[in-house]
Amino acid sequence: METQSFVIMLRPANKYGEVGTDETVSEHFNYLKSLLKDGKLSVAGRFSEVLIGLVMIEVESRDEAIEIMTNDPAVKAGVFHAELYPWSIALQKK
């Protein structure tokens, strides 16, 4: 089955900065590493001048993308707010 590209934009949510945030962000990072290992994560990082993260995934459906986004430990814990956008790749380095 052909995959689809999606971008997840992450921004601080209400619980960002509370006690335990560092541990939750660490769980988030490990979650992203597991997606990379599973071949679903294309790229992840944060903008250097603002506290916004970008996660690009390649999955089989929008439902799978939503599941990945909502299962992120930092999203579940209310540390990050997540928004999902379909992404159409026009050019890509090979």
Protein backbone atom coordinates (compact mmCIF):
# COMPACT_ATOMS: atom_id res chain seq x y z
CA MET A 1 0.00 0.00 0.00
CA GLU A 2 1.20 3.50 -0.80
CA THR A 3 2.05 5.78 2.10
CA GLN A 4 0.91 9.33 2.72
CA SER A 5 2.95 12.14 4.27
CA PHE A 6 1.76 14.15 7.25
CA VAL A 7 3.28 16.90 9.36
CA ILE A 8 2.55 17.18 13.05
CA MET A 9 3.17 20.65 14.49
CA LEU A 10 3.83 20.66 18.24
CA ARG A 11 3.49 23.72 20.47
CA PRO A 12 3.65 24.10 24.25
CA ALA A 13 0.32 23.33 25.94
CA ASN A 14 -1.07 24.23 29.37
CA LYS A 15 1.06 21.74 31.31
CA TYR A 16 4.34 22.70 29.62
CA GLY A 17 6.87 23.74 32.27
CA GLU A 18 5.11 21.99 35.15
CA VAL A 19 6.85 19.46 37.37
CA GLY A 20 7.55 16.32 35.35
CA THR A 21 7.75 18.07 31.98
CA ASP A 22 11.35 16.98 31.43
CA GLU A 23 10.45 13.32 31.95
CA THR A 24 7.46 13.62 29.62
CA VAL A 25 9.58 15.27 26.91
CA SER A 26 12.08 12.44 27.30
CA GLU A 27 9.25 9.91 26.78
CA HIS A 28 8.19 11.94 23.72
CA PHE A 29 11.72 11.71 22.31
CA ASN A 30 11.82 7.94 22.88
CA TYR A 31 8.42 7.66 21.17
CA LEU A 32 9.80 9.48 18.14
CA LYS A 33 12.82 7.15 18.10
CA SER A 34 10.46 4.16 18.05
CA LEU A 35 8.61 5.67 15.07
CA LEU A 36 11.95 6.11 13.30
CA LYS A 37 12.85 2.49 13.98
CA ASP A 38 9.45 1.41 12.61
CA GLY A 39 10.06 3.37 9.40
CA LYS A 40 7.20 5.82 10.01
CA LEU A 41 9.18 8.91 11.00
CA SER A 42 10.85 10.89 8.21
CA VAL A 43 12.19 13.82 10.21
CA ALA A 44 11.66 15.49 13.59
CA GLY A 45 13.04 18.60 15.21
CA ARG A 46 12.23 22.01 16.56
CA PHE A 47 12.63 25.50 15.28
CA SER A 48 15.63 27.22 16.81
CA GLU A 49 14.01 30.62 17.50
CA VAL A 50 10.54 29.57 18.65
CA LEU A 51 9.26 26.69 20.75
CA ILE A 52 7.55 24.80 17.94
CA GLY A 53 8.34 21.24 16.90
CA LEU A 54 7.80 19.58 13.54
CA VAL A 55 7.37 15.86 13.02
CA MET A 56 7.00 14.42 9.51
CA ILE A 57 5.60 10.93 9.20
CA GLU A 58 4.88 8.52 6.33
CA VAL A 59 1.91 6.27 7.06
CA GLU A 60 -0.85 4.39 5.26
CA SER A 61 -3.80 6.58 6.32
CA ARG A 62 -4.95 9.75 8.04
CA ASP A 63 -6.38 7.57 10.82
CA GLU A 64 -2.93 6.10 11.46
CA ALA A 65 -1.43 9.60 11.51
CA ILE A 66 -4.04 10.73 14.05
CA GLU A 67 -3.33 7.66 16.16
CA ILE A 68 0.42 8.41 16.14
CA MET A 69 -0.19 12.05 17.04
CA THR A 70 -2.63 11.34 19.88
CA ASN A 71 -0.47 8.56 21.34
CA ASP A 72 2.56 10.83 21.73
CA PRO A 73 3.23 10.85 25.49
CA ALA A 74 3.69 14.63 25.58
CA VAL A 75 0.40 15.20 23.74
CA LYS A 76 -1.43 12.75 26.00
CA ALA A 77 0.00 14.48 29.08
CA GLY A 78 -1.03 17.96 27.91
CA VAL A 79 2.58 19.15 27.62
CA PHE A 80 2.34 19.68 23.84
CA HIS A 81 -0.59 20.73 21.69
CA ALA A 82 -0.52 18.91 18.32
CA GLU A 83 -1.96 19.77 14.92
CA LEU A 84 -1.95 17.39 11.94
CA TYR A 85 -1.52 18.50 8.32
CA PRO A 86 -1.39 16.40 5.15
CA TRP A 87 1.88 17.09 3.33
CA SER A 88 2.53 16.81 -0.39
CA ILE A 89 6.20 16.42 -1.24
CA ALA A 90 7.05 18.25 -4.47
CA LEU A 91 10.82 17.72 -4.45
CA GLN A 92 12.98 15.52 -2.28
CA LYS A 93 16.70 14.85 -1.97
CA LYS A 94 17.49 11.24 -2.80
